[in-house]
N, C-alpha and C. Protein backbone atom coordinates (compact mmCIF):
# COMPACT_ATOMS: atom_id res chain seq x y z
N UNK A 1 -17.64 7.22 -34.16
CA UNK A 1 -17.18 5.83 -33.89
C UNK A 1 -17.52 4.90 -35.04
N UNK A 2 -18.56 5.24 -35.77
CA UNK A 2 -19.04 4.34 -36.83
C UNK A 2 -17.98 4.04 -37.86
N UNK A 3 -17.24 5.11 -38.22
CA UNK A 3 -16.19 4.85 -39.28
C UNK A 3 -15.07 4.01 -38.74
N UNK A 4 -14.79 4.11 -37.44
CA UNK A 4 -13.73 3.26 -36.86
C UNK A 4 -14.23 1.83 -36.80
N UNK A 5 -15.52 1.67 -36.49
CA UNK A 5 -16.05 0.27 -36.41
C UNK A 5 -16.13 -0.40 -37.72
N UNK A 6 -16.21 0.43 -38.81
CA UNK A 6 -16.19 -0.22 -40.19
C UNK A 6 -14.88 -0.93 -40.45
N UNK A 7 -13.79 -0.31 -39.98
CA UNK A 7 -12.49 -0.92 -40.18
C UNK A 7 -12.17 -1.94 -39.08
N UNK A 8 -12.54 -1.60 -37.84
CA UNK A 8 -12.15 -2.52 -36.72
C UNK A 8 -13.14 -2.34 -35.58
N UNK A 9 -14.09 -3.23 -35.46
CA UNK A 9 -15.04 -3.19 -34.30
C UNK A 9 -14.31 -3.22 -32.96
N UNK A 10 -13.23 -3.93 -32.88
CA UNK A 10 -12.49 -4.02 -31.60
C UNK A 10 -11.87 -2.67 -31.24
N UNK A 11 -11.29 -1.99 -32.23
CA UNK A 11 -10.73 -0.66 -32.00
C UNK A 11 -11.81 0.32 -31.61
N UNK A 12 -12.97 0.24 -32.24
CA UNK A 12 -14.08 1.15 -31.95
C UNK A 12 -14.53 0.92 -30.52
N UNK A 13 -14.64 -0.34 -30.10
CA UNK A 13 -15.08 -0.64 -28.76
C UNK A 13 -14.06 -0.12 -27.72
N UNK A 14 -12.78 -0.26 -27.99
CA UNK A 14 -11.73 0.23 -27.12
C UNK A 14 -11.78 1.78 -27.04
N UNK A 15 -11.99 2.45 -28.15
CA UNK A 15 -12.07 3.87 -28.19
C UNK A 15 -13.31 4.37 -27.39
N UNK A 16 -14.41 3.65 -27.58
CA UNK A 16 -15.66 4.01 -26.86
C UNK A 16 -15.44 3.87 -25.37
N UNK A 17 -14.79 2.85 -24.92
CA UNK A 17 -14.50 2.67 -23.50
C UNK A 17 -13.62 3.79 -22.94
N UNK A 18 -12.62 4.22 -23.75
CA UNK A 18 -11.82 5.34 -23.32
C UNK A 18 -12.59 6.62 -23.17
N UNK A 19 -13.47 6.90 -24.14
CA UNK A 19 -14.29 8.06 -24.09
C UNK A 19 -15.24 8.04 -22.89
N UNK A 20 -15.91 6.90 -22.67
CA UNK A 20 -16.82 6.77 -21.52
C UNK A 20 -16.08 6.88 -20.23
N UNK A 21 -14.89 6.31 -20.18
CA UNK A 21 -14.08 6.43 -18.91
C UNK A 21 -13.71 7.87 -18.64
N UNK A 22 -13.30 8.61 -19.72
CA UNK A 22 -12.96 10.03 -19.53
C UNK A 22 -14.19 10.86 -19.09
N UNK A 23 -15.30 10.61 -19.72
CA UNK A 23 -16.53 11.34 -19.37
C UNK A 23 -16.97 11.00 -17.94
N UNK A 24 -16.85 9.74 -17.56
CA UNK A 24 -17.23 9.30 -16.21
C UNK A 24 -16.37 9.96 -15.16
N UNK A 25 -15.14 10.23 -15.48
CA UNK A 25 -14.19 10.81 -14.47
C UNK A 25 -14.54 12.26 -14.17
N UNK A 26 -15.34 12.89 -15.01
CA UNK A 26 -15.71 14.29 -14.81
C UNK A 26 -16.62 14.48 -13.61
N UNK A 27 -17.30 13.44 -13.18
CA UNK A 27 -18.20 13.57 -12.03
C UNK A 27 -17.42 13.83 -10.76
N UNK A 28 -16.14 13.45 -10.75
CA UNK A 28 -15.30 13.66 -9.59
C UNK A 28 -14.27 14.82 -9.86
N UNK A 29 -13.74 14.86 -11.06
CA UNK A 29 -12.70 15.84 -11.36
C UNK A 29 -13.15 16.68 -12.58
N UNK A 30 -14.16 17.51 -12.36
CA UNK A 30 -14.72 18.30 -13.50
C UNK A 30 -13.75 19.33 -14.05
N UNK A 31 -12.86 19.80 -13.24
CA UNK A 31 -11.94 20.86 -13.73
C UNK A 31 -10.64 20.25 -14.36
N UNK A 32 -10.56 18.94 -14.49
CA UNK A 32 -9.30 18.36 -14.91
C UNK A 32 -8.96 18.62 -16.45
N UNK A 33 -9.99 18.91 -17.23
CA UNK A 33 -9.70 19.20 -18.61
C UNK A 33 -9.14 20.62 -18.79
N UNK A 34 -8.53 20.83 -19.93
CA UNK A 34 -8.00 22.17 -20.22
C UNK A 34 -9.09 23.03 -20.75
N UNK A 35 -8.92 24.34 -20.62
CA UNK A 35 -9.80 25.31 -21.22
C UNK A 35 -9.71 25.16 -22.74
N UNK A 36 -10.83 25.33 -23.42
CA UNK A 36 -10.85 25.20 -24.87
C UNK A 36 -10.18 26.47 -25.45
N UNK A 37 -9.03 26.33 -26.17
CA UNK A 37 -8.30 27.49 -26.58
C UNK A 37 -9.07 28.44 -27.54
N UNK A 38 -10.01 27.86 -28.29
CA UNK A 38 -10.76 28.69 -29.25
C UNK A 38 -11.97 29.34 -28.58
N UNK A 39 -12.21 29.13 -27.33
CA UNK A 39 -13.45 29.59 -26.66
C UNK A 39 -13.14 30.47 -25.48
N UNK A 40 -13.79 31.65 -25.41
CA UNK A 40 -13.57 32.54 -24.30
C UNK A 40 -14.33 32.20 -23.06
N UNK A 41 -15.32 31.35 -23.15
CA UNK A 41 -16.07 30.90 -22.00
C UNK A 41 -15.30 29.94 -21.17
N UNK A 42 -14.95 30.38 -19.91
CA UNK A 42 -14.10 29.57 -19.07
C UNK A 42 -14.85 28.40 -18.40
N UNK A 43 -16.15 28.24 -18.69
CA UNK A 43 -16.83 27.05 -18.17
C UNK A 43 -16.73 25.88 -19.15
N UNK A 44 -16.26 26.16 -20.37
CA UNK A 44 -16.16 25.14 -21.40
C UNK A 44 -14.70 24.65 -21.40
N UNK A 45 -14.64 23.32 -21.25
CA UNK A 45 -13.31 22.64 -21.12
C UNK A 45 -13.30 21.43 -22.02
N UNK A 46 -12.13 20.79 -22.15
CA UNK A 46 -11.99 19.61 -23.01
C UNK A 46 -11.01 18.67 -22.45
N UNK A 47 -11.24 17.40 -22.70
CA UNK A 47 -10.35 16.31 -22.47
C UNK A 47 -9.93 15.76 -23.81
N UNK A 48 -8.66 15.50 -24.01
CA UNK A 48 -8.23 14.89 -25.25
C UNK A 48 -8.23 13.37 -25.09
N UNK A 49 -9.04 12.71 -25.94
CA UNK A 49 -9.08 11.27 -25.99
C UNK A 49 -8.72 10.92 -27.40
N UNK A 50 -7.46 10.83 -27.66
CA UNK A 50 -6.94 10.72 -28.99
C UNK A 50 -7.66 9.73 -29.86
N UNK A 51 -8.17 10.06 -31.03
CA UNK A 51 -7.97 11.33 -31.76
C UNK A 51 -9.16 12.35 -31.59
N UNK A 52 -9.81 12.30 -30.45
CA UNK A 52 -10.97 13.17 -30.26
C UNK A 52 -10.77 14.15 -29.18
N UNK A 53 -11.64 15.23 -29.19
CA UNK A 53 -11.72 16.19 -28.14
C UNK A 53 -13.10 16.06 -27.51
N UNK A 54 -13.13 15.73 -26.23
CA UNK A 54 -14.40 15.67 -25.49
C UNK A 54 -14.66 17.00 -24.92
N UNK A 55 -15.63 17.74 -25.44
CA UNK A 55 -15.95 19.08 -25.02
C UNK A 55 -17.08 19.00 -23.99
N UNK A 56 -16.90 19.77 -22.89
CA UNK A 56 -17.92 19.75 -21.84
C UNK A 56 -17.97 21.11 -21.15
N UNK A 57 -19.10 21.31 -20.48
CA UNK A 57 -19.31 22.57 -19.74
C UNK A 57 -19.48 22.25 -18.24
N UNK A 58 -18.75 22.93 -17.41
CA UNK A 58 -18.88 22.78 -15.98
C UNK A 58 -19.94 23.81 -15.49
N UNK A 59 -20.98 23.31 -14.94
CA UNK A 59 -22.07 24.13 -14.38
C UNK A 59 -22.03 23.95 -12.87
N UNK A 60 -22.91 24.69 -12.19
CA UNK A 60 -22.86 24.65 -10.76
C UNK A 60 -23.07 23.28 -10.17
N UNK A 61 -24.11 22.56 -10.67
CA UNK A 61 -24.40 21.24 -10.07
C UNK A 61 -24.26 20.09 -11.02
N UNK A 62 -23.66 20.36 -12.21
CA UNK A 62 -23.48 19.25 -13.19
C UNK A 62 -22.42 19.57 -14.25
N UNK A 63 -22.05 18.54 -14.92
CA UNK A 63 -21.15 18.66 -16.05
C UNK A 63 -21.97 18.16 -17.28
N UNK A 64 -21.96 18.98 -18.31
CA UNK A 64 -22.71 18.70 -19.52
C UNK A 64 -21.77 18.40 -20.65
N UNK A 65 -21.89 17.22 -21.26
CA UNK A 65 -21.08 16.89 -22.44
C UNK A 65 -21.61 17.64 -23.63
N UNK A 66 -20.84 18.47 -24.28
CA UNK A 66 -21.29 19.22 -25.41
C UNK A 66 -21.03 18.50 -26.77
N UNK A 67 -19.87 17.88 -26.88
CA UNK A 67 -19.55 17.24 -28.18
C UNK A 67 -18.34 16.35 -28.03
N UNK A 68 -18.26 15.49 -29.00
CA UNK A 68 -17.06 14.70 -29.21
C UNK A 68 -16.61 15.00 -30.65
N UNK A 69 -15.58 15.81 -30.71
CA UNK A 69 -15.08 16.23 -32.05
C UNK A 69 -13.75 15.56 -32.37
N UNK A 70 -13.60 15.22 -33.61
CA UNK A 70 -12.29 14.74 -34.09
C UNK A 70 -11.31 15.91 -33.98
N UNK A 71 -10.09 15.65 -33.61
CA UNK A 71 -9.12 16.71 -33.39
C UNK A 71 -8.85 17.45 -34.71
N UNK A 72 -9.11 16.88 -35.85
CA UNK A 72 -8.93 17.55 -37.15
C UNK A 72 -10.13 18.39 -37.58
N UNK A 73 -11.25 18.18 -36.88
CA UNK A 73 -12.45 18.95 -37.19
C UNK A 73 -12.26 20.41 -36.76
N UNK A 74 -12.78 21.30 -37.56
CA UNK A 74 -12.67 22.72 -37.25
C UNK A 74 -13.65 23.08 -36.11
N UNK A 75 -13.09 23.51 -35.02
CA UNK A 75 -13.92 23.92 -33.86
C UNK A 75 -14.86 25.03 -34.22
N UNK A 76 -14.41 26.01 -34.99
CA UNK A 76 -15.19 27.15 -35.32
C UNK A 76 -16.46 26.79 -36.12
N UNK A 77 -16.34 25.84 -37.00
CA UNK A 77 -17.53 25.37 -37.76
C UNK A 77 -18.56 24.74 -36.77
N UNK A 78 -18.10 23.92 -35.91
CA UNK A 78 -18.96 23.27 -34.94
C UNK A 78 -19.59 24.37 -34.01
N UNK A 79 -18.75 25.27 -33.53
CA UNK A 79 -19.21 26.29 -32.55
C UNK A 79 -20.30 27.15 -33.20
N UNK A 80 -20.08 27.61 -34.45
CA UNK A 80 -21.08 28.41 -35.15
C UNK A 80 -22.41 27.76 -35.23
N UNK A 81 -22.39 26.49 -35.51
CA UNK A 81 -23.63 25.67 -35.65
C UNK A 81 -24.29 25.36 -34.32
N UNK A 82 -23.45 24.93 -33.36
CA UNK A 82 -24.02 24.38 -32.10
C UNK A 82 -24.18 25.42 -31.00
N UNK A 83 -23.21 26.32 -30.87
CA UNK A 83 -23.24 27.25 -29.72
C UNK A 83 -24.17 28.43 -29.97
N UNK A 84 -24.66 28.58 -31.18
CA UNK A 84 -25.60 29.65 -31.51
C UNK A 84 -27.04 29.24 -31.40
N UNK A 85 -27.29 27.90 -31.21
CA UNK A 85 -28.66 27.44 -31.14
C UNK A 85 -29.31 27.99 -29.88
N UNK A 86 -30.61 28.30 -29.97
CA UNK A 86 -31.32 28.87 -28.81
C UNK A 86 -31.23 27.97 -27.57
N UNK A 87 -31.24 26.65 -27.76
CA UNK A 87 -31.28 25.75 -26.62
C UNK A 87 -29.85 25.34 -26.21
N UNK A 88 -28.83 25.87 -26.83
CA UNK A 88 -27.45 25.54 -26.52
C UNK A 88 -27.03 26.20 -25.22
N UNK A 89 -26.26 25.49 -24.48
CA UNK A 89 -25.71 25.98 -23.18
C UNK A 89 -26.80 26.56 -22.37
């Protein structure tokens, strides 16, 4: 969001509100996002909040936000770094 705020604080605030609204909706509709096409784990889903992908994992009693990635960012690079960490997922 920082780079958006550099150009337009108002646009950054609007984008942040859209992301927070999408994340908040997961407490009621956790399965609403699509399965992440690059990921075989069916508990990992995403919501598209243009131009971002809100990645999250549906667990038994909670939804965990994993990342907010720009749609142009390579998922595989992020996944190699983040999903391989011992404390990940």
